[in-house]
C-alpha atoms as a PDB file:
ATOM      1  CA  UNK A   1      -3.460  43.112 -60.763  1.00  0.00           C
ATOM      2  CA  UNK A   2      -2.246  46.039 -59.099  1.00  0.00           C
ATOM      3  CA  UNK A   3      -3.705  48.654 -57.245  1.00  0.00           C
ATOM      4  CA  UNK A   4      -1.910  51.865 -55.029  1.00  0.00           C
ATOM      5  CA  UNK A   5      -2.594  52.110 -51.863  1.00  0.00           C
ATOM      6  CA  UNK A   6      -1.264  55.529 -50.074  1.00  0.00           C
ATOM      7  CA  UNK A   7       1.415  55.396 -53.082  1.00  0.00           C
ATOM      8  CA  UNK A   8       2.547  51.907 -52.469  1.00  0.00           C
ATOM      9  CA  UNK A   9       2.046  49.185 -54.656  1.00  0.00           C
ATOM     10  CA  UNK A  10      -0.082  45.919 -53.381  1.00  0.00           C
ATOM     11  CA  UNK A  11      -0.587  42.586 -55.023  1.00  0.00           C
ATOM     12  CA  UNK A  12      -4.567  42.167 -54.198  1.00  0.00           C
ATOM     13  CA  UNK A  13      -4.070  38.969 -55.532  1.00  0.00           C
ATOM     14  CA  UNK A  14      -0.980  37.781 -52.930  1.00  0.00           C
ATOM     15  CA  UNK A  15      -3.133  39.251 -50.218  1.00  0.00           C
ATOM     16  CA  UNK A  16      -6.051  37.479 -50.058  1.00  0.00           C
ATOM     17  CA  UNK A  17      -4.003  34.076 -50.251  1.00  0.00           C
ATOM     18  CA  UNK A  18      -1.689  35.188 -47.281  1.00  0.00           C
ATOM     19  CA  UNK A  19      -5.219  35.890 -45.072  1.00  0.00           C
ATOM     20  CA  UNK A  20      -6.867  33.158 -46.758  1.00  0.00           C
ATOM     21  CA  UNK A  21      -3.756  31.410 -44.839  1.00  0.00           C
ATOM     22  CA  UNK A  22      -4.064  32.813 -41.918  1.00  0.00           C
ATOM     23  CA  UNK A  23      -7.728  32.026 -41.620  1.00  0.00           C
ATOM     24  CA  UNK A  24      -7.379  28.049 -42.456  1.00  0.00           C
ATOM     25  CA  UNK A  25      -4.265  28.381 -39.369  1.00  0.00           C
ATOM     26  CA  UNK A  26      -6.774  29.886 -37.144  1.00  0.00           C
ATOM     27  CA  UNK A  27      -9.284  27.410 -37.972  1.00  0.00           C
ATOM     28  CA  UNK A  28      -6.864  24.925 -37.928  1.00  0.00           C
ATOM     29  CA  UNK A  29      -5.838  25.740 -34.186  1.00  0.00           C
ATOM     30  CA  UNK A  30      -9.529  26.044 -32.683  1.00  0.00           C
ATOM     31  CA  UNK A  31     -10.187  22.499 -34.067  1.00  0.00           C
ATOM     32  CA  UNK A  32      -6.868  21.456 -32.375  1.00  0.00           C
ATOM     33  CA  UNK A  33      -7.735  22.947 -29.476  1.00  0.00           C
ATOM     34  CA  UNK A  34     -11.361  21.566 -29.250  1.00  0.00           C
ATOM     35  CA  UNK A  35     -10.098  18.021 -29.287  1.00  0.00           C
ATOM     36  CA  UNK A  36      -6.687  18.796 -26.891  1.00  0.00           C
ATOM     37  CA  UNK A  37     -10.014  19.702 -25.133  1.00  0.00           C
ATOM     38  CA  UNK A  38     -12.480  17.225 -25.620  1.00  0.00           C
ATOM     39  CA  UNK A  39      -9.752  14.440 -25.002  1.00  0.00           C
ATOM     40  CA  UNK A  40      -8.630  15.960 -21.875  1.00  0.00           C
ATOM     41  CA  UNK A  41     -12.361  16.107 -20.282  1.00  0.00           C
ATOM     42  CA  UNK A  42     -12.458  12.296 -20.967  1.00  0.00           C
ATOM     43  CA  UNK A  43      -9.199  11.682 -19.255  1.00  0.00           C
ATOM     44  CA  UNK A  44     -10.082  13.700 -16.322  1.00  0.00           C
ATOM     45  CA  UNK A  45     -13.693  11.516 -16.643  1.00  0.00           C
ATOM     46  CA  UNK A  46     -11.854   8.906 -16.878  1.00  0.00           C
ATOM     47  CA  UNK A  47     -10.003   8.796 -14.106  1.00  0.00           C
ATOM     48  CA  UNK A  48     -12.830   9.710 -11.878  1.00  0.00           C
ATOM     49  CA  UNK A  49     -14.342   6.856 -12.431  1.00  0.00           C
ATOM     50  CA  UNK A  50     -11.353   5.296 -11.826  1.00  0.00           C
ATOM     51  CA  UNK A  51     -10.788   3.240  -7.962  1.00  0.00           C
ATOM     52  CA  UNK A  52      -7.597   3.731  -5.770  1.00  0.00           C
ATOM     53  CA  UNK A  53      -6.394   0.708  -7.574  1.00  0.00           C
ATOM     54  CA  UNK A  54      -6.286   1.254 -11.119  1.00  0.00           C
ATOM     55  CA  UNK A  55     -10.050  -0.440 -12.270  1.00  0.00           C
ATOM     56  CA  UNK A  56     -13.101   0.852 -13.688  1.00  0.00           C
ATOM     57  CA  UNK A  57     -15.686   1.657 -11.096  1.00  0.00           C
ATOM     58  CA  UNK A  58     -17.916  -0.030 -12.821  1.00  0.00           C
ATOM     59  CA  UNK A  59     -15.601  -3.089 -12.392  1.00  0.00           C
ATOM     60  CA  UNK A  60     -16.828  -3.401  -9.190  1.00  0.00           C
ATOM     61  CA  UNK A  61     -21.074  -3.139  -9.571  1.00  0.00           C
ATOM     62  CA  UNK A  62     -21.856  -6.942  -9.294  1.00  0.00           C
ATOM     63  CA  UNK A  63     -20.233  -6.855  -5.668  1.00  0.00           C
ATOM     64  CA  UNK A  64     -21.757  -5.672  -2.650  1.00  0.00           C
ATOM     65  CA  UNK A  65     -20.625  -4.662   1.079  1.00  0.00           C
ATOM     66  CA  UNK A  66     -21.816  -6.842   3.275  1.00  0.00           C
ATOM     67  CA  UNK A  67     -21.803  -6.760   7.758  1.00  0.00           C
ATOM     68  CA  UNK A  68     -20.755  -9.696   8.681  1.00  0.00           C
ATOM     69  CA  UNK A  69     -21.922  -8.808  11.968  1.00  0.00           C
ATOM     70  CA  UNK A  70     -22.553  -9.034  15.063  1.00  0.00           C
ATOM     71  CA  UNK A  71     -25.147  -5.797  14.570  1.00  0.00           C
ATOM     72  CA  UNK A  72     -25.020  -3.642  16.844  1.00  0.00           C
ATOM     73  CA  UNK A  73     -23.036  -5.577  19.547  1.00  0.00           C
ATOM     74  CA  UNK A  74     -20.710  -2.597  19.856  1.00  0.00           C
ATOM     75  CA  UNK A  75     -17.090  -3.030  21.644  1.00  0.00           C
ATOM     76  CA  UNK A  76     -16.253  -7.151  22.430  1.00  0.00           C
ATOM     77  CA  UNK A  77     -14.292  -7.916  25.269  1.00  0.00           C
ATOM     78  CA  UNK A  78     -15.037 -12.030  25.875  1.00  0.00           C
ATOM     79  CA  UNK A  79     -15.543 -14.712  23.452  1.00  0.00           C
ATOM     80  CA  UNK A  80     -15.107 -18.648  23.837  1.00  0.00           C
ATOM     81  CA  UNK A  81     -15.199 -21.999  21.779  1.00  0.00           C
ATOM     82  CA  UNK A  82     -15.347 -25.353  22.042  1.00  0.00           C
ATOM     83  CA  UNK A  83     -13.335 -28.028  20.193  1.00  0.00           C
ATOM     84  CA  UNK A  84     -16.324 -30.633  20.589  1.00  0.00           C
ATOM     85  CA  UNK A  85     -17.586 -27.682  17.595  1.00  0.00           C
ATOM     86  CA  UNK A  86     -14.734 -26.095  15.815  1.00  0.00           C
ATOM     87  CA  UNK A  87     -17.296 -23.402  14.280  1.00  0.00           C
ATOM     88  CA  UNK A  88     -19.556 -22.830  16.902  1.00  0.00           C
ATOM     89  CA  UNK A  89     -18.737 -19.666  18.848  1.00  0.00           C
ATOM     90  CA  UNK A  90     -19.802 -17.400  21.661  1.00  0.00           C
ATOM     91  CA  UNK A  91     -19.112 -13.372  21.257  1.00  0.00           C
ATOM     92  CA  UNK A  92     -19.766 -11.098  24.363  1.00  0.00           C
ATOM     93  CA  UNK A  93     -20.468  -8.006  23.803  1.00  0.00           C
ATOM     94  CA  UNK A  94     -19.989  -4.662  26.168  1.00  0.00           C
ATOM     95  CA  UNK A  95     -23.454  -3.307  25.280  1.00  0.00           C
ATOM     96  CA  UNK A  96     -25.717  -6.282  23.252  1.00  0.00           C
ATOM     97  CA  UNK A  97     -25.566  -9.234  24.949  1.00  0.00           C
ATOM     98  CA  UNK A  98     -23.951 -12.509  23.411  1.00  0.00           C
ATOM     99  CA  UNK A  99     -23.928 -13.242  20.131  1.00  0.00           C
ATOM    100  CA  UNK A 100     -23.114 -16.748  18.620  1.00  0.00           C
ATOM    101  CA  UNK A 101     -21.979 -18.054  15.169  1.00  0.00           C
ATOM    102  CA  UNK A 102     -21.910 -21.671  14.106  1.00  0.00           C
ATOM    103  CA  UNK A 103     -20.562 -20.986  10.672  1.00  0.00           C
ATOM    104  CA  UNK A 104     -17.369 -19.943  11.817  1.00  0.00           C
ATOM    105  CA  UNK A 105     -17.935 -16.453  11.928  1.00  0.00           C
ATOM    106  CA  UNK A 106     -20.074 -15.632   8.441  1.00  0.00           C
ATOM    107  CA  UNK A 107     -22.948 -15.016  10.421  1.00  0.00           C
ATOM    108  CA  UNK A 108     -23.430 -13.962  13.869  1.00  0.00           C
ATOM    109  CA  UNK A 109     -27.594 -13.873  15.915  1.00  0.00           C
ATOM    110  CA  UNK A 110     -28.066 -13.012  19.151  1.00  0.00           C
ATOM    111  CA  UNK A 111     -28.849 -15.510  22.565  1.00  0.00           C
ATOM    112  CA  UNK A 112     -29.528 -13.553  24.895  1.00  0.00           C
ATOM    113  CA  UNK A 113     -31.952 -11.068  24.192  1.00  0.00           C
ATOM    114  CA  UNK A 114     -35.783 -10.779  26.086  1.00  0.00           C
ATOM    115  CA  UNK A 115     -33.830 -13.431  28.191  1.00  0.00           C
ATOM    116  CA  UNK A 116     -31.074 -11.552  30.406  1.00  0.00           C
ATOM    117  CA  UNK A 117     -31.612  -8.246  32.689  1.00  0.00           C
ATOM    118  CA  UNK A 118     -28.040  -6.338  31.637  1.00  0.00           C
ATOM    119  CA  UNK A 119     -26.513  -6.215  28.451  1.00  0.00           C
ATOM    120  CA  UNK A 120     -22.852  -6.066  29.105  1.00  0.00           C
ATOM    121  CA  UNK A 121     -20.965  -9.220  29.087  1.00  0.00           C
ATOM    122  CA  UNK A 122     -18.007  -9.326  30.837  1.00  0.00           C
ATOM    123  CA  UNK A 123     -16.832 -12.948  30.582  1.00  0.00           C
ATOM    124  CA  UNK A 124     -18.430 -16.038  28.932  1.00  0.00           C
ATOM    125  CA  UNK A 125     -16.896 -19.858  29.295  1.00  0.00           C
ATOM    126  CA  UNK A 126     -18.251 -22.945  27.838  1.00  0.00           C
ATOM    127  CA  UNK A 127     -17.895 -26.588  29.646  1.00  0.00           C
ATOM    128  CA  UNK A 128     -15.136 -28.833  27.750  1.00  0.00           C
ATOM    129  CA  UNK A 129     -17.291 -32.378  28.681  1.00  0.00           C
ATOM    130  CA  UNK A 130     -20.476 -30.577  27.599  1.00  0.00           C
ATOM    131  CA  UNK A 131     -20.130 -27.749  24.528  1.00  0.00           C
ATOM    132  CA  UNK A 132     -23.715 -27.171  25.431  1.00  0.00           C
ATOM    133  CA  UNK A 133     -23.414 -25.474  29.333  1.00  0.00           C
ATOM    134  CA  UNK A 134     -22.499 -22.074  28.402  1.00  0.00           C
ATOM    135  CA  UNK A 135     -21.923 -20.101  31.499  1.00  0.00           C
ATOM    136  CA  UNK A 136     -21.753 -15.944  30.622  1.00  0.00           C
ATOM    137  CA  UNK A 137     -20.545 -13.272  33.297  1.00  0.00           C
ATOM    138  CA  UNK A 138     -21.989  -9.947  33.021  1.00  0.00           C
ATOM    139  CA  UNK A 139     -20.911  -6.617  33.658  1.00  0.00           C
ATOM    140  CA  UNK A 140     -17.446  -4.602  31.557  1.00  0.00           C
ATOM    141  CA  UNK A 141     -14.248  -5.179  33.099  1.00  0.00           C
ATOM    142  CA  UNK A 142     -12.046  -3.209  31.505  1.00  0.00           C
ATOM    143  CA  UNK A 143     -11.964   0.104  33.171  1.00  0.00           C
ATOM    144  CA  UNK A 144     -12.161   3.034  31.247  1.00  0.00           C
ATOM    145  CA  UNK A 145     -14.406   6.710  31.198  1.00  0.00           C
ATOM    146  CA  UNK A 146     -17.932   4.583  31.502  1.00  0.00           C
ATOM    147  CA  UNK A 147     -18.323   1.487  31.969  1.00  0.00           C
ATOM    148  CA  UNK A 148     -21.684  -0.976  32.073  1.00  0.00           C
ATOM    149  CA  UNK A 149     -22.673  -3.281  34.960  1.00  0.00           C
ATOM    150  CA  UNK A 150     -24.208  -5.853  35.242  1.00  0.00           C
ATOM    151  CA  UNK A 151     -26.131  -8.277  37.310  1.00  0.00           C
ATOM    152  CA  UNK A 152     -24.298 -10.951  38.130  1.00  0.00           C
ATOM    153  CA  UNK A 153     -24.174 -14.603  36.346  1.00  0.00           C
ATOM    154  CA  UNK A 154     -26.078 -16.779  33.860  1.00  0.00           C
ATOM    155  CA  UNK A 155     -26.549 -20.349  32.743  1.00  0.00           C
ATOM    156  CA  UNK A 156     -27.587 -21.895  29.515  1.00  0.00           C
ATOM    157  CA  UNK A 157     -28.071 -25.657  29.237  1.00  0.00           C
ATOM    158  CA  UNK A 158     -29.035 -25.923  25.526  1.00  0.00           C
ATOM    159  CA  UNK A 159     -26.541 -23.849  24.023  1.00  0.00           C
ATOM    160  CA  UNK A 160     -27.709 -20.692  24.507  1.00  0.00           C
ATOM    161  CA  UNK A 161     -30.972 -21.433  23.657  1.00  0.00           C
ATOM    162  CA  UNK A 162     -32.464 -20.085  27.057  1.00  0.00           C
ATOM    163  CA  UNK A 163     -30.852 -18.874  29.896  1.00  0.00           C
ATOM    164  CA  UNK A 164     -31.324 -19.362  33.583  1.00  0.00           C
ATOM    165  CA  UNK A 165     -30.220 -16.161  36.071  1.00  0.00           C
ATOM    166  CA  UNK A 166     -28.022 -18.259  39.059  1.00  0.00           C
ATOM    167  CA  UNK A 167     -26.925 -15.271  41.011  1.00  0.00           C
ATOM    168  CA  UNK A 168     -24.093 -12.892  42.627  1.00  0.00           C
ATOM    169  CA  UNK A 169     -26.229 -10.069  41.227  1.00  0.00           C
ATOM    170  CA  UNK A 170     -24.622  -7.282  43.153  1.00  0.00           C
ATOM    171  CA  UNK A 171     -21.030  -8.609  42.009  1.00  0.00           C
ATOM    172  CA  UNK A 172     -21.938  -5.526  38.737  1.00  0.00           C
ATOM    173  CA  UNK A 173     -18.316  -6.758  37.058  1.00  0.00           C
ATOM    174  CA  UNK A 174     -16.893 -10.191  36.154  1.00  0.00           C
ATOM    175  CA  UNK A 175     -13.762 -10.532  34.329  1.00  0.00           C
ATOM    176  CA  UNK A 176     -13.803 -14.227  34.080  1.00  0.00           C
ATOM    177  CA  UNK A 177     -14.676 -18.080  34.347  1.00  0.00           C
ATOM    178  CA  UNK A 178     -13.457 -21.213  34.354  1.00  0.00           C
ATOM    179  CA  UNK A 179     -15.387 -24.363  34.597  1.00  0.00           C
ATOM    180  CA  UNK A 180     -14.415 -27.776  36.028  1.00  0.00           C
ATOM    181  CA  UNK A 181     -13.399 -29.831  32.959  1.00  0.00           C
ATOM    182  CA  UNK A 182     -15.182 -32.931  34.278  1.00  0.00           C
ATOM    183  CA  UNK A 183     -17.880 -31.677  35.376  1.00  0.00           C
ATOM    184  CA  UNK A 184     -19.901 -28.513  34.147  1.00  0.00           C
ATOM    185  CA  UNK A 185     -22.148 -28.092  37.704  1.00  0.00           C
ATOM    186  CA  UNK A 186     -18.620 -26.787  39.568  1.00  0.00           C
ATOM    187  CA  UNK A 187     -17.607 -23.262  38.076  1.00  0.00           C
ATOM    188  CA  UNK A 188     -15.272 -20.530  39.248  1.00  0.00           C
ATOM    189  CA  UNK A 189     -15.799 -16.674  39.145  1.00  0.00           C
ATOM    190  CA  UNK A 190     -13.440 -14.001  39.372  1.00  0.00           C
ATOM    191  CA  UNK A 191     -15.470 -10.963  39.912  1.00  0.00           C
ATOM    192  CA  UNK A 192     -14.448  -7.770  40.563  1.00  0.00           C
ATOM    193  CA  UNK A 193     -17.012  -6.317  41.963  1.00  0.00           C
ATOM    194  CA  UNK A 194     -18.031  -2.689  42.322  1.00  0.00           C
ATOM    195  CA  UNK A 195     -15.577  -0.234  40.155  1.00  0.00           C
ATOM    196  CA  UNK A 196     -16.271   2.662  42.423  1.00  0.00           C
ATOM    197  CA  UNK A 197     -17.604   1.164  45.713  1.00  0.00           C
ATOM    198  CA  UNK A 198     -16.569  -1.694  48.049  1.00  0.00           C
ATOM    199  CA  UNK A 199     -19.627  -4.576  47.572  1.00  0.00           C
ATOM    200  CA  UNK A 200     -20.389  -7.965  49.966  1.00  0.00           C
ATOM    201  CA  UNK A 201     -19.668 -10.793  47.265  1.00  0.00           C
ATOM    202  CA  UNK A 202     -16.633 -11.949  46.273  1.00  0.00           C
ATOM    203  CA  UNK A 203     -14.598 -15.066  45.776  1.00  0.00           C
ATOM    204  CA  UNK A 204     -17.549 -18.016  45.169  1.00  0.00           C
ATOM    205  CA  UNK A 205     -17.650 -21.614  44.146  1.00  0.00           C
ATOM    206  CA  UNK A 206     -21.105 -22.578  42.639  1.00  0.00           C
ATOM    207  CA  UNK A 207     -21.009 -26.718  43.162  1.00  0.00           C
ATOM    208  CA  UNK A 208     -24.521 -28.194  42.707  1.00  0.00           C
ATOM    209  CA  UNK A 209     -23.228 -31.733  43.282  1.00  0.00           C
ATOM    210  CA  UNK A 210     -21.736 -31.093  46.452  1.00  0.00           C
ATOM    211  CA  UNK A 211     -24.279 -28.608  48.069  1.00  0.00           C
ATOM    212  CA  UNK A 212     -27.279 -29.858  47.598  1.00  0.00           C
ATOM    213  CA  UNK A 213     -28.811 -27.419  50.201  1.00  0.00           C
ATOM    214  CA  UNK A 214     -28.304 -24.678  47.702  1.00  0.00           C
ATOM    215  CA  UNK A 215     -31.380 -23.770  46.119  1.00  0.00           C
ATOM    216  CA  UNK A 216     -31.870 -24.195  42.504  1.00  0.00           C
ATOM    217  CA  UNK A 217     -30.261 -20.434  40.775  1.00  0.00           C
ATOM    218  CA  UNK A 218     -28.847 -19.247  43.087  1.00  0.00           C
ATOM    219  CA  UNK A 219     -24.942 -18.925  44.224  1.00  0.00           C
ATOM    220  CA  UNK A 220     -23.693 -19.186  48.154  1.00  0.00           C
ATOM    221  CA  UNK A 221     -22.229 -15.937  49.122  1.00  0.00           C
ATOM    222  CA  UNK A 222     -19.487 -15.492  51.159  1.00  0.00           C
ATOM    223  CA  UNK A 223     -18.754 -12.198  53.549  1.00  0.00           C
ATOM    224  CA  UNK A 224     -15.980 -10.405  52.693  1.00  0.00           C
ATOM    225  CA  UNK A 225     -14.271  -7.975  54.547  1.00  0.00           C
ATOM    226  CA  UNK A 226     -12.037  -5.625  53.155  1.00  0.00           C
ATOM    227  CA  UNK A 227      -8.838  -4.803  54.293  1.00  0.00           C
END
């Protein structure tokens, strides 16, 4: 079929064919773009659901985080155990009292709550001759911008179940406790004393066996002259 448009001869059939080809090309382009967009969105979503290690997030869905503690203990600067009980340890916290584990650290339990009058444990010692005997010295010894003072020494004879105050309440800061390897009643205490002021209590020795004149539950005091 021929037609005259502005003096030119045009094959309408050919024109319609070219127009159909153009429409098909546009349609295919739109479909291809839609497919590419869908694939891109899928890749992004998959990437968002993938961990840094390359595993899908649902790969770890059966797992859950667990705090192995100690809960609310804070910093810890003192710990001790006994070779007689290889899974039993004590951890002294600067603001959370004394904590104990009997399964090698899998679980921890506070053992001084409600029994001692200060929360900062600076030293822990377990008697080598009897692991049921535990001594703790109170007061944070690592000096920093702010520290928590203690109120002396406590002793347990039942592996931390009960505690008794043994004196040195004015030392405020105790850094080390050493127990005689043969006699758990002979104890050496390294007391720093008041972190920012002088105090009278200094080096002390507890020996209930050799000092029957001592009152039960107290440590002897010695006057210390500051130089």
